[in-house]
Each structure stands twice: as structure tokens, then as C-alpha cells.
């Protein structure tokens, strides 16, 4: 094989059509864009989601519900789960660091403790939120609750 003898396969290349370069080219005048209308004129650009007069999908599909921008999403743990996690991972302090180390929460999660279930052990909590029932149950078992921001 000689590098100077290499060339593309037959029919693989051809001259590009030179559009709008005079009548002699066969593609002059309207430059294959047709006679009139927005598409033939300079600066033409379709708008995003334009469907050519058909009702666009964002107007056809009904809108439902409401998204509250002030909603705070918590990673929730019930007292029953807390008891199971304490046995499984040997945790006595439920803080973000301990839960994150054991892959129970993500880096951006906020933690809330709810009062469903029973608490037998004495645990300390450093969390973002606690329900009233959970706080009473934790303190009744001899634990402590600290709310962090």
C-alpha cells in the first residue's frame, strides 16, 4: 500500500451544490427555497415547539396540581426504624454524620424523626426536625434531642 495512491471509493465524493450563485448554476434566483413565505426570507428561524399551526403539545396537555416552592423534603425515620438501625449498625447517636457513614442518607438530605413505633433504648438525636410525639417518646426513654439547622 502506498500513501500517495490512496483515494476515496468511487461515488463517495462529489461536488457540493452551490446554491444561490447565479442563474448559470441552475440553483440561482430563489436558491431552492421557493417563491414566497417566511421560509424563503432571510433571518427565518422556527420557534421552539412550533408545530406548523397544529395546537402545540404544551397547550394540548392539561395542567394539573401545584408545586410549592417552599416545600422542605425530609428523609424520614420512624422510631421503630431507629430501633432496628441501632441494632444493625450499632448506633447510639443518630446524627447526619453517623447516618451518612452507613449510607442511610445522601449528602443533601435533611433528617426528620417521626413517632411511629416504640423506642426501647436510650439514644441521642442531632437531626433537622422531630415530631412532637417522637420527642416525647425519646425523652421518656431517657434520650436527648437536639435540633440542628
C-alpha atoms as a PDB file:
ATOM      1  CA  UNK A   1       0.000   0.000   0.000  1.00  0.00           C
ATOM      2  CA  UNK A   2       1.300   3.427  -0.962  1.00  0.00           C
ATOM      3  CA  UNK A   3       0.024   6.538   0.781  1.00  0.00           C
ATOM      4  CA  UNK A   4       0.223   8.662  -2.355  1.00  0.00           C
ATOM      5  CA  UNK A   5      -2.070   6.221  -4.178  1.00  0.00           C
ATOM      6  CA  UNK A   6      -4.933   6.324  -1.613  1.00  0.00           C
ATOM      7  CA  UNK A   7      -8.242   7.813  -2.767  1.00  0.00           C
ATOM      8  CA  UNK A   8     -11.913   7.566  -1.729  1.00  0.00           C
ATOM      9  CA  UNK A   9     -14.191   4.876  -3.155  1.00  0.00           C
ATOM     10  CA  UNK A  10     -15.900   5.614  -6.460  1.00  0.00           C
ATOM     11  CA  UNK A  11     -19.045   7.706  -5.903  1.00  0.00           C
ATOM     12  CA  UNK A  12     -18.176   8.520  -2.280  1.00  0.00           C
ATOM     13  CA  UNK A  13     -17.342  12.156  -3.000  1.00  0.00           C
ATOM     14  CA  UNK A  14     -18.842  14.736  -5.276  1.00  0.00           C
ATOM     15  CA  UNK A  15     -19.031  18.449  -5.761  1.00  0.00           C
ATOM     16  CA  UNK A  16     -21.333  20.240  -3.347  1.00  0.00           C
ATOM     17  CA  UNK A  17     -24.276  22.164  -4.809  1.00  0.00           C
ATOM     18  CA  UNK A  18     -23.526  25.883  -4.867  1.00  0.00           C
ATOM     19  CA  UNK A  19     -26.910  27.355  -4.103  1.00  0.00           C
ATOM     20  CA  UNK A  20     -27.763  30.986  -4.829  1.00  0.00           C
ATOM     21  CA  UNK A  21     -24.741  31.697  -7.056  1.00  0.00           C
ATOM     22  CA  UNK A  22     -26.460  32.983 -10.169  1.00  0.00           C
ATOM     23  CA  UNK A  23     -28.752  31.683 -12.887  1.00  0.00           C
ATOM     24  CA  UNK A  24     -25.986  29.759 -14.620  1.00  0.00           C
ATOM     25  CA  UNK A  25     -25.680  27.376 -11.671  1.00  0.00           C
ATOM     26  CA  UNK A  26     -29.260  26.212 -12.056  1.00  0.00           C
ATOM     27  CA  UNK A  27     -29.845  26.974  -8.379  1.00  0.00           C
ATOM     28  CA  UNK A  28     -29.972  30.779  -8.568  1.00  0.00           C
ATOM     29  CA  UNK A  29     -32.933  33.091  -8.066  1.00  0.00           C
ATOM     30  CA  UNK A  30     -34.804  31.672  -5.110  1.00  0.00           C
ATOM     31  CA  UNK A  31     -31.924  29.356  -4.107  1.00  0.00           C
ATOM     32  CA  UNK A  32     -34.254  26.304  -3.862  1.00  0.00           C
ATOM     33  CA  UNK A  33     -36.294  27.984  -1.092  1.00  0.00           C
ATOM     34  CA  UNK A  34     -39.476  28.556  -3.066  1.00  0.00           C
ATOM     35  CA  UNK A  35     -41.064  31.814  -4.053  1.00  0.00           C
ATOM     36  CA  UNK A  36     -42.735  33.428  -1.044  1.00  0.00           C
ATOM     37  CA  UNK A  37     -43.293  32.982   2.674  1.00  0.00           C
ATOM     38  CA  UNK A  38     -41.258  33.206   5.839  1.00  0.00           C
ATOM     39  CA  UNK A  39     -39.133  30.176   4.960  1.00  0.00           C
ATOM     40  CA  UNK A  40     -37.844  31.870   1.800  1.00  0.00           C
ATOM     41  CA  UNK A  41     -36.751  35.059   3.531  1.00  0.00           C
ATOM     42  CA  UNK A  42     -33.510  35.895   5.259  1.00  0.00           C
ATOM     43  CA  UNK A  43     -33.336  35.501   9.038  1.00  0.00           C
ATOM     44  CA  UNK A  44     -36.011  32.809   9.047  1.00  0.00           C
ATOM     45  CA  UNK A  45     -35.954  30.603  12.110  1.00  0.00           C
ATOM     46  CA  UNK A  46     -38.733  28.418  13.527  1.00  0.00           C
ATOM     47  CA  UNK A  47     -39.747  28.945  17.123  1.00  0.00           C
ATOM     48  CA  UNK A  48     -39.101  26.153  19.553  1.00  0.00           C
ATOM     49  CA  UNK A  49     -42.036  23.697  19.806  1.00  0.00           C
ATOM     50  CA  UNK A  50     -43.710  25.203  16.698  1.00  0.00           C
ATOM     51  CA  UNK A  51     -45.938  22.601  15.093  1.00  0.00           C
ATOM     52  CA  UNK A  52     -46.999  24.424  11.936  1.00  0.00           C
ATOM     53  CA  UNK A  53     -50.406  25.656  13.073  1.00  0.00           C
ATOM     54  CA  UNK A  54     -51.336  22.476  14.950  1.00  0.00           C
ATOM     55  CA  UNK A  55     -52.090  23.134  18.611  1.00  0.00           C
ATOM     56  CA  UNK A  56     -48.724  22.625  20.398  1.00  0.00           C
ATOM     57  CA  UNK A  57     -48.401  19.778  22.885  1.00  0.00           C
ATOM     58  CA  UNK A  58     -47.727  22.115  25.804  1.00  0.00           C
ATOM     59  CA  UNK A  59     -51.170  23.669  25.178  1.00  0.00           C
ATOM     60  CA  UNK A  60     -52.963  20.388  24.389  1.00  0.00           C
ATOM     61  CA  UNK A  61     -51.976  18.623  27.610  1.00  0.00           C
ATOM     62  CA  UNK A  62     -53.924  19.838  30.664  1.00  0.00           C
ATOM     63  CA  UNK A  63     -52.132  21.319  33.641  1.00  0.00           C
ATOM     64  CA  UNK A  64     -52.703  19.625  36.988  1.00  0.00           C
ATOM     65  CA  UNK A  65     -51.700  20.261  40.575  1.00  0.00           C
ATOM     66  CA  UNK A  66     -49.497  22.768  42.282  1.00  0.00           C
ATOM     67  CA  UNK A  67     -45.788  22.811  43.084  1.00  0.00           C
ATOM     68  CA  UNK A  68     -44.975  24.540  46.346  1.00  0.00           C
ATOM     69  CA  UNK A  69     -41.605  26.265  46.067  1.00  0.00           C
ATOM     70  CA  UNK A  70     -41.312  26.460  49.861  1.00  0.00           C
ATOM     71  CA  UNK A  71     -41.725  22.704  50.436  1.00  0.00           C
ATOM     72  CA  UNK A  72     -38.980  21.118  52.550  1.00  0.00           C
ATOM     73  CA  UNK A  73     -38.378  17.419  51.839  1.00  0.00           C
ATOM     74  CA  UNK A  74     -37.041  15.369  54.757  1.00  0.00           C
ATOM     75  CA  UNK A  75     -35.544  11.897  54.905  1.00  0.00           C
ATOM     76  CA  UNK A  76     -37.930  10.370  57.440  1.00  0.00           C
ATOM     77  CA  UNK A  77     -37.128   7.789  60.134  1.00  0.00           C
ATOM     78  CA  UNK A  78     -39.799   6.358  62.450  1.00  0.00           C
ATOM     79  CA  UNK A  79     -38.937   5.280  65.996  1.00  0.00           C
ATOM     80  CA  UNK A  80     -39.422   1.627  65.011  1.00  0.00           C
ATOM     81  CA  UNK A  81     -36.853   2.053  62.244  1.00  0.00           C
ATOM     82  CA  UNK A  82     -34.496   3.821  64.641  1.00  0.00           C
ATOM     83  CA  UNK A  83     -34.563   0.780  66.939  1.00  0.00           C
ATOM     84  CA  UNK A  84     -33.775  -1.580  64.026  1.00  0.00           C
ATOM     85  CA  UNK A  85     -30.978   0.652  62.692  1.00  0.00           C
ATOM     86  CA  UNK A  86     -29.446   0.932  66.163  1.00  0.00           C
ATOM     87  CA  UNK A  87     -29.224  -2.874  66.383  1.00  0.00           C
ATOM     88  CA  UNK A  88     -27.996  -3.356  62.818  1.00  0.00           C
ATOM     89  CA  UNK A  89     -25.320  -0.613  62.742  1.00  0.00           C
ATOM     90  CA  UNK A  90     -24.579  -0.298  66.496  1.00  0.00           C
ATOM     91  CA  UNK A  91     -25.529   3.388  66.572  1.00  0.00           C
ATOM     92  CA  UNK A  92     -26.264   5.237  69.801  1.00  0.00           C
ATOM     93  CA  UNK A  93     -26.182   8.777  68.392  1.00  0.00           C
ATOM     94  CA  UNK A  94     -28.416   9.467  65.412  1.00  0.00           C
ATOM     95  CA  UNK A  95     -26.704  12.343  63.643  1.00  0.00           C
ATOM     96  CA  UNK A  96     -26.225  13.188  59.979  1.00  0.00           C
ATOM     97  CA  UNK A  97     -22.587  12.039  60.097  1.00  0.00           C
ATOM     98  CA  UNK A  98     -23.404   8.581  61.512  1.00  0.00           C
ATOM     99  CA  UNK A  99     -26.265   8.035  59.090  1.00  0.00           C
ATOM    100  CA  UNK A 100     -24.183   9.253  56.129  1.00  0.00           C
ATOM    101  CA  UNK A 101     -21.265   6.949  57.019  1.00  0.00           C
ATOM    102  CA  UNK A 102     -23.674   3.983  56.986  1.00  0.00           C
ATOM    103  CA  UNK A 103     -25.167   5.066  53.606  1.00  0.00           C
ATOM    104  CA  UNK A 104     -28.610   5.728  55.082  1.00  0.00           C
ATOM    105  CA  UNK A 105     -28.843   9.340  53.901  1.00  0.00           C
ATOM    106  CA  UNK A 106     -27.473  11.348  50.986  1.00  0.00           C
ATOM    107  CA  UNK A 107     -25.196  14.365  51.302  1.00  0.00           C
ATOM    108  CA  UNK A 108     -28.034  16.884  50.853  1.00  0.00           C
ATOM    109  CA  UNK A 109     -30.758  15.142  52.903  1.00  0.00           C
ATOM    110  CA  UNK A 110     -32.492  16.716  55.872  1.00  0.00           C
ATOM    111  CA  UNK A 111     -33.445  14.246  58.613  1.00  0.00           C
ATOM    112  CA  UNK A 112     -36.749  14.079  60.497  1.00  0.00           C
ATOM    113  CA  UNK A 113     -37.769  11.641  63.230  1.00  0.00           C
ATOM    114  CA  UNK A 114     -41.438  10.581  63.448  1.00  0.00           C
ATOM    115  CA  UNK A 115     -43.208   8.862  66.346  1.00  0.00           C
ATOM    116  CA  UNK A 116     -44.460   5.628  64.746  1.00  0.00           C
ATOM    117  CA  UNK A 117     -43.174   2.604  66.667  1.00  0.00           C
ATOM    118  CA  UNK A 118     -41.596   2.141  70.073  1.00  0.00           C
ATOM    119  CA  UNK A 119     -38.206   3.117  71.409  1.00  0.00           C
ATOM    120  CA  UNK A 120     -36.596   0.788  73.947  1.00  0.00           C
ATOM    121  CA  UNK A 121     -33.035   2.077  74.127  1.00  0.00           C
ATOM    122  CA  UNK A 122     -31.542   5.380  75.216  1.00  0.00           C
ATOM    123  CA  UNK A 123     -30.396   7.315  72.124  1.00  0.00           C
ATOM    124  CA  UNK A 124     -29.295  10.839  71.377  1.00  0.00           C
ATOM    125  CA  UNK A 125     -30.517  12.608  68.244  1.00  0.00           C
ATOM    126  CA  UNK A 126     -28.969  15.502  66.313  1.00  0.00           C
ATOM    127  CA  UNK A 127     -31.468  15.982  63.485  1.00  0.00           C
ATOM    128  CA  UNK A 128     -33.190  18.724  61.485  1.00  0.00           C
ATOM    129  CA  UNK A 129     -36.743  18.067  62.709  1.00  0.00           C
ATOM    130  CA  UNK A 130     -38.659  15.906  65.201  1.00  0.00           C
ATOM    131  CA  UNK A 131     -42.393  15.394  65.589  1.00  0.00           C
ATOM    132  CA  UNK A 132     -43.969  16.192  68.969  1.00  0.00           C
ATOM    133  CA  UNK A 133     -44.904  12.545  69.622  1.00  0.00           C
ATOM    134  CA  UNK A 134     -41.385  11.334  68.745  1.00  0.00           C
ATOM    135  CA  UNK A 135     -39.759  13.931  71.004  1.00  0.00           C
ATOM    136  CA  UNK A 136     -41.933  12.863  73.945  1.00  0.00           C
ATOM    137  CA  UNK A 137     -41.127   9.184  73.350  1.00  0.00           C
ATOM    138  CA  UNK A 138     -37.362   9.821  73.096  1.00  0.00           C
ATOM    139  CA  UNK A 139     -37.285  11.868  76.286  1.00  0.00           C
ATOM    140  CA  UNK A 140     -39.463   9.304  78.091  1.00  0.00           C
ATOM    141  CA  UNK A 141     -36.885   6.607  77.176  1.00  0.00           C
ATOM    142  CA  UNK A 142     -34.087   8.799  78.590  1.00  0.00           C
ATOM    143  CA  UNK A 143     -32.693  10.058  75.284  1.00  0.00           C
ATOM    144  CA  UNK A 144     -31.869  13.556  74.134  1.00  0.00           C
ATOM    145  CA  UNK A 145     -32.982  15.571  71.110  1.00  0.00           C
ATOM    146  CA  UNK A 146     -31.011  18.411  69.527  1.00  0.00           C
ATOM    147  CA  UNK A 147     -32.432  20.293  66.542  1.00  0.00           C
ATOM    148  CA  UNK A 148     -29.800  21.451  64.058  1.00  0.00           C
ATOM    149  CA  UNK A 149     -30.255  23.900  61.199  1.00  0.00           C
END
